[in-house]
Amino acid sequence: MNKEHIKEMLFTMQENIIREFKEKVEVTHGVVDIDEDDTHDPDDYSHQYESAELEQLMKVQLNKSKRCLDLLKSIDFSPKTSVESGAYVETNKFNFFIGFATVPFDVDGKHIVGISMDSPICPIMLGKKEGDKFSFSGVDYVIEKIN
């Protein structure tokens, strides 16, 4: 597995999330910015207020996504020999990228899920090496490869 391909995919996914939130903020801001001198319908003011709340929520998500990108930039993608942040871990059941939570994605024919260091499974996996076993939620895993 080429971890550079994983890195590229993770950055692309996160940058797309940021771009989508930026677009949503712009669209929502357009709805909020009504001409109050030309508006007399109380419903317009109500929609403006709701849109302003939605815009704030989108900005919060945008900022969170930017912080996630900063976290991603801080991850060391160098080769690993044990489970730690930045490791790609193949098991007999599933493939993991350690240190950054994601929805499942495919790279080089492998189905991978990113897990954060705060995820419940991560402490169980940390420090394990190829050939080590662990159990989580009643599922037994064998680490087949670490990179």
N, C-alpha and C. Protein backbone atom coordinates (compact mmCIF):
# COMPACT_ATOMS: atom_id res chain seq x y z
N MET A 1 0.85 -1.19 0.00
CA MET A 1 0.00 0.00 0.00
C MET A 1 0.89 1.24 0.00
N ASN A 2 0.61 2.11 -0.92
CA ASN A 2 1.35 3.37 -1.01
C ASN A 2 0.65 4.41 -0.12
N LYS A 3 1.27 4.75 0.99
CA LYS A 3 0.65 5.70 1.92
C LYS A 3 0.53 7.09 1.33
N GLU A 4 1.33 7.39 0.34
CA GLU A 4 1.21 8.69 -0.33
C GLU A 4 -0.17 8.80 -0.98
N HIS A 5 -0.69 7.69 -1.50
CA HIS A 5 -2.03 7.69 -2.09
C HIS A 5 -3.10 7.91 -1.01
N ILE A 6 -2.89 7.33 0.15
CA ILE A 6 -3.82 7.55 1.27
C ILE A 6 -3.79 9.02 1.66
N LYS A 7 -2.60 9.56 1.78
CA LYS A 7 -2.43 10.98 2.16
C LYS A 7 -3.14 11.88 1.15
N GLU A 8 -2.94 11.63 -0.12
CA GLU A 8 -3.58 12.43 -1.17
C GLU A 8 -5.10 12.34 -1.05
N MET A 9 -5.63 11.14 -0.83
CA MET A 9 -7.07 10.95 -0.71
C MET A 9 -7.62 11.69 0.51
N LEU A 10 -6.94 11.59 1.65
CA LEU A 10 -7.40 12.26 2.86
C LEU A 10 -7.42 13.78 2.67
N PHE A 11 -6.37 14.33 2.07
CA PHE A 11 -6.34 15.77 1.84
C PHE A 11 -7.42 16.19 0.85
N THR A 12 -7.62 15.42 -0.20
CA THR A 12 -8.67 15.73 -1.17
C THR A 12 -10.04 15.70 -0.51
N MET A 13 -10.31 14.67 0.29
CA MET A 13 -11.59 14.56 0.97
C MET A 13 -11.82 15.75 1.89
N GLN A 14 -10.82 16.12 2.67
CA GLN A 14 -10.98 17.22 3.62
C GLN A 14 -11.11 18.56 2.91
N GLU A 15 -10.34 18.76 1.86
CA GLU A 15 -10.43 20.01 1.10
C GLU A 15 -11.80 20.13 0.43
N ASN A 16 -12.37 19.02 -0.02
CA ASN A 16 -13.71 19.03 -0.60
C ASN A 16 -14.76 19.40 0.44
N ILE A 17 -14.61 18.88 1.65
CA ILE A 17 -15.54 19.23 2.73
C ILE A 17 -15.48 20.73 3.00
N ILE A 18 -14.28 21.28 3.07
CA ILE A 18 -14.12 22.71 3.31
C ILE A 18 -14.74 23.52 2.18
N ARG A 19 -14.49 23.12 0.95
CA ARG A 19 -15.05 23.83 -0.21
C ARG A 19 -16.58 23.82 -0.16
N GLU A 20 -17.16 22.65 0.17
CA GLU A 20 -18.62 22.55 0.25
C GLU A 20 -19.19 23.44 1.34
N PHE A 21 -18.55 23.51 2.49
CA PHE A 21 -19.03 24.38 3.56
C PHE A 21 -18.89 25.85 3.17
N LYS A 22 -17.81 26.21 2.49
CA LYS A 22 -17.66 27.60 2.02
C LYS A 22 -18.80 27.97 1.09
N GLU A 23 -19.13 27.07 0.16
CA GLU A 23 -20.23 27.31 -0.77
C GLU A 23 -21.56 27.46 -0.02
N LYS A 24 -21.78 26.61 0.98
CA LYS A 24 -23.02 26.67 1.75
C LYS A 24 -23.11 27.99 2.53
N VAL A 25 -22.00 28.44 3.07
CA VAL A 25 -21.98 29.71 3.80
C VAL A 25 -22.33 30.85 2.84
N GLU A 26 -21.74 30.84 1.64
CA GLU A 26 -22.02 31.90 0.66
C GLU A 26 -23.49 31.91 0.26
N VAL A 27 -24.05 30.73 -0.02
CA VAL A 27 -25.46 30.65 -0.42
C VAL A 27 -26.36 31.12 0.71
N THR A 28 -26.07 30.66 1.90
CA THR A 28 -26.89 31.04 3.06
C THR A 28 -26.78 32.54 3.34
N HIS A 29 -25.59 33.08 3.17
CA HIS A 29 -25.40 34.53 3.39
C HIS A 29 -26.25 35.33 2.40
N GLY A 30 -26.37 34.85 1.17
CA GLY A 30 -27.19 35.53 0.18
C GLY A 30 -28.65 35.59 0.60
N VAL A 31 -29.13 34.58 1.28
CA VAL A 31 -30.51 34.55 1.76
C VAL A 31 -30.67 35.50 2.95
N VAL A 32 -29.65 35.60 3.77
CA VAL A 32 -29.70 36.46 4.96
C VAL A 32 -29.69 37.93 4.57
N ASP A 33 -28.99 38.26 3.50
CA ASP A 33 -28.77 39.64 3.11
C ASP A 33 -29.94 40.16 2.26
N ILE A 34 -31.08 40.41 2.91
CA ILE A 34 -32.24 40.95 2.18
C ILE A 34 -32.26 42.48 2.36
N ASP A 35 -32.91 43.14 1.43
CA ASP A 35 -33.06 44.59 1.51
C ASP A 35 -34.20 44.90 2.46
N GLU A 36 -33.86 45.33 3.66
CA GLU A 36 -34.88 45.57 4.69
C GLU A 36 -35.77 46.76 4.35
N ASP A 37 -35.28 47.72 3.55
CA ASP A 37 -36.11 48.87 3.16
C ASP A 37 -37.19 48.46 2.17
N ASP A 38 -36.94 47.37 1.45
CA ASP A 38 -37.87 46.93 0.42
C ASP A 38 -38.75 45.76 0.88
N THR A 39 -38.63 45.37 2.15
CA THR A 39 -39.34 44.21 2.66
C THR A 39 -40.32 44.64 3.74
N HIS A 40 -41.56 44.17 3.58
CA HIS A 40 -42.58 44.50 4.57
C HIS A 40 -43.28 43.26 5.09
N ASP A 41 -42.95 42.12 4.55
CA ASP A 41 -43.61 40.87 4.93
C ASP A 41 -42.90 40.28 6.15
N PRO A 42 -43.63 40.06 7.24
CA PRO A 42 -43.01 39.47 8.45
C PRO A 42 -42.36 38.11 8.19
N ASP A 43 -42.90 37.36 7.22
CA ASP A 43 -42.29 36.06 6.89
C ASP A 43 -40.88 36.22 6.37
N ASP A 44 -40.64 37.31 5.63
CA ASP A 44 -39.29 37.54 5.11
C ASP A 44 -38.30 37.72 6.25
N TYR A 45 -38.71 38.46 7.28
CA TYR A 45 -37.83 38.67 8.44
C TYR A 45 -37.60 37.36 9.20
N SER A 46 -38.64 36.55 9.26
CA SER A 46 -38.52 35.25 9.93
C SER A 46 -37.55 34.35 9.18
N HIS A 47 -37.68 34.34 7.85
CA HIS A 47 -36.76 33.52 7.04
C HIS A 47 -35.33 34.05 7.13
N GLN A 48 -35.22 35.37 7.23
CA GLN A 48 -33.89 35.97 7.37
C GLN A 48 -33.24 35.51 8.67
N TYR A 49 -33.99 35.51 9.75
CA TYR A 49 -33.48 35.09 11.05
C TYR A 49 -33.07 33.61 11.01
N GLU A 50 -33.93 32.76 10.45
CA GLU A 50 -33.60 31.33 10.34
C GLU A 50 -32.36 31.11 9.49
N SER A 51 -32.25 31.86 8.40
CA SER A 51 -31.09 31.73 7.53
C SER A 51 -29.81 32.21 8.23
N ALA A 52 -29.94 33.24 9.05
CA ALA A 52 -28.78 33.72 9.79
C ALA A 52 -28.29 32.66 10.77
N GLU A 53 -29.23 31.98 11.43
CA GLU A 53 -28.84 30.88 12.33
C GLU A 53 -28.15 29.77 11.55
N LEU A 54 -28.71 29.42 10.39
CA LEU A 54 -28.12 28.38 9.55
C LEU A 54 -26.73 28.79 9.08
N GLU A 55 -26.58 30.05 8.72
CA GLU A 55 -25.26 30.54 8.30
C GLU A 55 -24.24 30.37 9.43
N GLN A 56 -24.63 30.70 10.64
CA GLN A 56 -23.72 30.54 11.79
C GLN A 56 -23.34 29.08 11.98
N LEU A 57 -24.32 28.19 11.87
CA LEU A 57 -24.02 26.75 12.00
C LEU A 57 -23.05 26.30 10.92
N MET A 58 -23.23 26.78 9.70
CA MET A 58 -22.33 26.41 8.60
C MET A 58 -20.92 26.95 8.86
N LYS A 59 -20.84 28.16 9.41
CA LYS A 59 -19.52 28.73 9.73
C LYS A 59 -18.82 27.92 10.81
N VAL A 60 -19.56 27.44 11.79
CA VAL A 60 -18.98 26.59 12.84
C VAL A 60 -18.42 25.32 12.21
N GLN A 61 -19.20 24.70 11.32
CA GLN A 61 -18.74 23.47 10.66
C GLN A 61 -17.55 23.75 9.75
N LEU A 62 -17.56 24.89 9.08
CA LEU A 62 -16.43 25.27 8.22
C LEU A 62 -15.16 25.41 9.06
N ASN A 63 -15.25 26.09 10.19
CA ASN A 63 -14.08 26.25 11.06
C ASN A 63 -13.60 24.92 11.61
N LYS A 64 -14.53 24.06 11.97
CA LYS A 64 -14.16 22.72 12.45
C LYS A 64 -13.43 21.95 11.35
N SER A 65 -13.92 22.06 10.13
CA SER A 65 -13.28 21.37 9.00
C SER A 65 -11.88 21.90 8.73
N LYS A 66 -11.70 23.20 8.91
CA LYS A 66 -10.37 23.79 8.74
C LYS A 66 -9.41 23.29 9.83
N ARG A 67 -9.91 23.17 11.06
CA ARG A 67 -9.07 22.63 12.14
C ARG A 67 -8.70 21.17 11.85
N CYS A 68 -9.63 20.43 11.28
CA CYS A 68 -9.34 19.03 10.92
C CYS A 68 -8.25 18.98 9.85
N LEU A 69 -8.28 19.91 8.91
CA LEU A 69 -7.23 19.96 7.89
C LEU A 69 -5.89 20.26 8.54
N ASP A 70 -5.88 21.16 9.52
CA ASP A 70 -4.64 21.45 10.25
C ASP A 70 -4.13 20.20 10.97
N LEU A 71 -5.05 19.45 11.57
CA LEU A 71 -4.66 18.19 12.23
C LEU A 71 -4.05 17.24 11.21
N LEU A 72 -4.69 17.12 10.07
CA LEU A 72 -4.20 16.23 9.02
C LEU A 72 -2.79 16.63 8.58
N LYS A 73 -2.56 17.92 8.48
CA LYS A 73 -1.23 18.41 8.08
C LYS A 73 -0.16 18.07 9.12
N SER A 74 -0.57 17.89 10.36
CA SER A 74 0.40 17.61 11.43
C SER A 74 0.76 16.13 11.54
N ILE A 75 0.04 15.27 10.83
CA ILE A 75 0.29 13.83 10.93
C ILE A 75 1.56 13.45 10.17
N ASP A 76 2.37 12.62 10.80
CA ASP A 76 3.59 12.09 10.19
C ASP A 76 3.22 10.84 9.38
N PHE A 77 3.33 10.93 8.07
CA PHE A 77 2.96 9.83 7.18
C PHE A 77 4.14 8.91 6.86
N SER A 78 5.22 9.03 7.59
CA SER A 78 6.39 8.17 7.32
C SER A 78 6.05 6.72 7.64
N PRO A 79 6.86 5.78 7.13
CA PRO A 79 6.60 4.36 7.41
C PRO A 79 6.61 4.06 8.91
N LYS A 80 5.76 3.15 9.31
CA LYS A 80 5.63 2.76 10.72
C LYS A 80 5.84 1.25 10.86
N THR A 81 6.27 0.85 12.05
CA THR A 81 6.42 -0.58 12.34
C THR A 81 5.47 -1.04 13.44
N SER A 82 4.79 -0.08 14.07
CA SER A 82 3.78 -0.41 15.08
C SER A 82 2.60 0.54 14.89
N VAL A 83 1.50 0.22 15.54
CA VAL A 83 0.30 1.05 15.41
C VAL A 83 0.51 2.34 16.19
N GLU A 84 0.45 3.46 15.47
CA GLU A 84 0.59 4.80 16.03
C GLU A 84 -0.04 5.77 15.05
N SER A 85 -0.12 7.03 15.42
CA SER A 85 -0.67 8.03 14.52
C SER A 85 0.11 8.03 13.20
N GLY A 86 -0.63 8.04 12.10
CA GLY A 86 0.00 8.02 10.78
C GLY A 86 0.22 6.63 10.21
N ALA A 87 -0.14 5.60 10.96
CA ALA A 87 0.06 4.22 10.49
C ALA A 87 -1.12 3.76 9.64
N TYR A 88 -0.81 3.01 8.61
CA TYR A 88 -1.82 2.28 7.86
C TYR A 88 -1.76 0.85 8.36
N VAL A 89 -2.90 0.31 8.79
CA VAL A 89 -2.94 -1.01 9.42
C VAL A 89 -3.92 -1.91 8.67
N GLU A 90 -3.39 -3.00 8.12
CA GLU A 90 -4.25 -4.01 7.50
C GLU A 90 -4.47 -5.13 8.51
N THR A 91 -5.74 -5.49 8.71
CA THR A 91 -6.07 -6.62 9.57
C THR A 91 -6.82 -7.66 8.75
N ASN A 92 -7.09 -8.78 9.38
CA ASN A 92 -7.85 -9.83 8.71
C ASN A 92 -9.30 -9.43 8.48
N LYS A 93 -9.76 -8.36 9.13
CA LYS A 93 -11.16 -7.94 9.02
C LYS A 93 -11.33 -6.61 8.30
N PHE A 94 -10.41 -5.67 8.52
CA PHE A 94 -10.59 -4.32 8.01
C PHE A 94 -9.25 -3.62 7.93
N ASN A 95 -9.22 -2.52 7.19
CA ASN A 95 -8.01 -1.71 7.04
C ASN A 95 -8.25 -0.34 7.67
N PHE A 96 -7.26 0.12 8.44
CA PHE A 96 -7.40 1.36 9.19
C PHE A 96 -6.28 2.34 8.85
N PHE A 97 -6.63 3.63 8.88
CA PHE A 97 -5.62 4.67 8.92
C PHE A 97 -5.76 5.31 10.30
N ILE A 98 -4.66 5.36 11.03
CA ILE A 98 -4.69 5.81 12.43
C ILE A 98 -4.39 7.30 12.54
N GLY A 99 -5.25 8.01 13.28
CA GLY A 99 -4.97 9.41 13.60
C GLY A 99 -5.91 10.43 13.00
N PHE A 100 -6.79 10.00 12.08
CA PHE A 100 -7.70 10.95 11.44
C PHE A 100 -9.00 10.24 11.08
N ALA A 101 -10.09 10.65 11.71
CA ALA A 101 -11.38 10.00 11.49
C ALA A 101 -11.95 10.34 10.12
N THR A 102 -12.41 9.31 9.41
CA THR A 102 -13.03 9.50 8.10
C THR A 102 -14.18 8.52 7.91
N VAL A 103 -14.95 8.79 6.90
CA VAL A 103 -15.88 7.77 6.42
C VAL A 103 -15.02 6.76 5.65
N PRO A 104 -15.50 5.54 5.47
CA PRO A 104 -14.71 4.57 4.70
C PRO A 104 -14.44 5.09 3.28
N PHE A 105 -13.25 4.78 2.77
CA PHE A 105 -12.86 5.18 1.42
C PHE A 105 -11.99 4.10 0.82
N ASP A 106 -11.82 4.15 -0.50
CA ASP A 106 -11.04 3.15 -1.22
C ASP A 106 -9.80 3.78 -1.83
N VAL A 107 -8.66 3.11 -1.64
CA VAL A 107 -7.39 3.53 -2.24
C VAL A 107 -6.65 2.28 -2.67
N ASP A 108 -6.17 2.27 -3.90
CA ASP A 108 -5.39 1.15 -4.43
C ASP A 108 -6.09 -0.19 -4.19
N GLY A 109 -7.40 -0.21 -4.35
CA GLY A 109 -8.15 -1.46 -4.20
C GLY A 109 -8.39 -1.90 -2.76
N LYS A 110 -8.04 -1.06 -1.81
CA LYS A 110 -8.24 -1.38 -0.39
C LYS A 110 -9.33 -0.49 0.18
N HIS A 111 -10.21 -1.08 0.98
CA HIS A 111 -11.26 -0.35 1.68
C HIS A 111 -10.70 0.04 3.05
N ILE A 112 -10.67 1.34 3.34
CA ILE A 112 -9.98 1.86 4.53
C ILE A 112 -10.93 2.76 5.29
N VAL A 113 -10.81 2.74 6.60
CA VAL A 113 -11.51 3.73 7.44
C VAL A 113 -10.47 4.43 8.29
N GLY A 114 -10.61 5.74 8.39
CA GLY A 114 -9.72 6.50 9.26
C GLY A 114 -10.32 6.56 10.66
N ILE A 115 -9.48 6.33 11.66
CA ILE A 115 -9.94 6.42 13.05
C ILE A 115 -9.09 7.44 13.79
N SER A 116 -9.75 8.20 14.65
CA SER A 116 -9.03 9.20 15.43
C SER A 116 -8.32 8.54 16.60
N MET A 117 -7.40 9.27 17.15
CA MET A 117 -6.68 8.77 18.32
C MET A 117 -7.62 8.65 19.52
N ASP A 118 -8.75 9.35 19.46
CA ASP A 118 -9.73 9.32 20.55
C ASP A 118 -10.80 8.24 20.36
N SER A 119 -10.75 7.50 19.27
CA SER A 119 -11.77 6.48 19.03
C SER A 119 -11.60 5.34 20.04
N PRO A 120 -12.68 4.65 20.37
CA PRO A 120 -12.60 3.58 21.37
C PRO A 120 -11.65 2.43 20.99
N ILE A 121 -11.50 2.17 19.69
CA ILE A 121 -10.64 1.04 19.27
C ILE A 121 -9.16 1.41 19.31
N CYS A 122 -8.85 2.69 19.19
CA CYS A 122 -7.46 3.11 19.06
C CYS A 122 -6.57 2.69 20.24
N PRO A 123 -6.96 2.92 21.49
CA PRO A 123 -6.07 2.52 22.60
C PRO A 123 -5.77 1.02 22.62
N ILE A 124 -6.72 0.23 22.13
CA ILE A 124 -6.52 -1.22 22.08
C ILE A 124 -5.46 -1.58 21.05
N MET A 125 -5.41 -0.79 19.97
CA MET A 125 -4.50 -1.08 18.87
C MET A 125 -3.10 -0.50 19.06
N LEU A 126 -3.00 0.62 19.78
CA LEU A 126 -1.72 1.33 19.88
C LEU A 126 -0.59 0.43 20.36
N GLY A 127 0.54 0.55 19.66
CA GLY A 127 1.74 -0.21 20.03
C GLY A 127 1.79 -1.62 19.46
N LYS A 128 0.69 -2.10 18.93
CA LYS A 128 0.68 -3.45 18.35
C LYS A 128 1.55 -3.49 17.10
N LYS A 129 2.04 -4.69 16.79
CA LYS A 129 2.90 -4.89 15.63
C LYS A 129 2.29 -5.96 14.72
N GLU A 130 2.88 -6.13 13.55
CA GLU A 130 2.41 -7.16 12.62
C GLU A 130 2.38 -8.51 13.32
N GLY A 131 1.29 -9.25 13.14
CA GLY A 131 1.12 -10.56 13.77
C GLY A 131 0.40 -10.50 15.11
N ASP A 132 0.34 -9.32 15.72
CA ASP A 132 -0.37 -9.18 17.00
C ASP A 132 -1.88 -9.30 16.78
N LYS A 133 -2.56 -9.70 17.86
CA LYS A 133 -4.00 -9.85 17.83
C LYS A 133 -4.64 -8.91 18.85
N PHE A 134 -5.88 -8.53 18.55
CA PHE A 134 -6.67 -7.75 19.51
C PHE A 134 -8.14 -8.00 19.24
N SER A 135 -8.95 -7.70 20.23
CA SER A 135 -10.41 -7.86 20.10
C SER A 135 -11.07 -6.54 20.41
N PHE A 136 -12.14 -6.26 19.67
CA PHE A 136 -12.92 -5.06 19.91
C PHE A 136 -14.38 -5.34 19.55
N SER A 137 -15.27 -5.07 20.47
CA SER A 137 -16.71 -5.28 20.27
C SER A 137 -17.03 -6.70 19.82
N GLY A 138 -16.34 -7.64 20.40
CA GLY A 138 -16.61 -9.04 20.10
C GLY A 138 -16.02 -9.54 18.79
N VAL A 139 -15.21 -8.72 18.13
CA VAL A 139 -14.58 -9.11 16.87
C VAL A 139 -13.08 -9.27 17.13
N ASP A 140 -12.54 -10.40 16.67
CA ASP A 140 -11.11 -10.67 16.81
C ASP A 140 -10.37 -10.24 15.55
N TYR A 141 -9.31 -9.48 15.74
CA TYR A 141 -8.51 -8.97 14.65
C TYR A 141 -7.08 -9.51 14.73
N VAL A 142 -6.46 -9.72 13.58
CA VAL A 142 -5.04 -10.04 13.48
C VAL A 142 -4.41 -8.99 12.58
N ILE A 143 -3.38 -8.34 13.09
CA ILE A 143 -2.70 -7.32 12.28
C ILE A 143 -1.79 -8.03 11.28
N GLU A 144 -2.10 -7.82 10.00
CA GLU A 144 -1.35 -8.49 8.94
C GLU A 144 -0.23 -7.62 8.38
N LYS A 145 -0.45 -6.30 8.38
CA LYS A 145 0.56 -5.41 7.80
C LYS A 145 0.42 -4.02 8.41
N ILE A 146 1.57 -3.39 8.66
CA ILE A 146 1.60 -2.00 9.14
C ILE A 146 2.55 -1.22 8.24
N ASN A 147 2.14 -0.04 7.86
CA ASN A 147 3.00 0.84 7.08
C ASN A 147 2.83 2.25 7.60
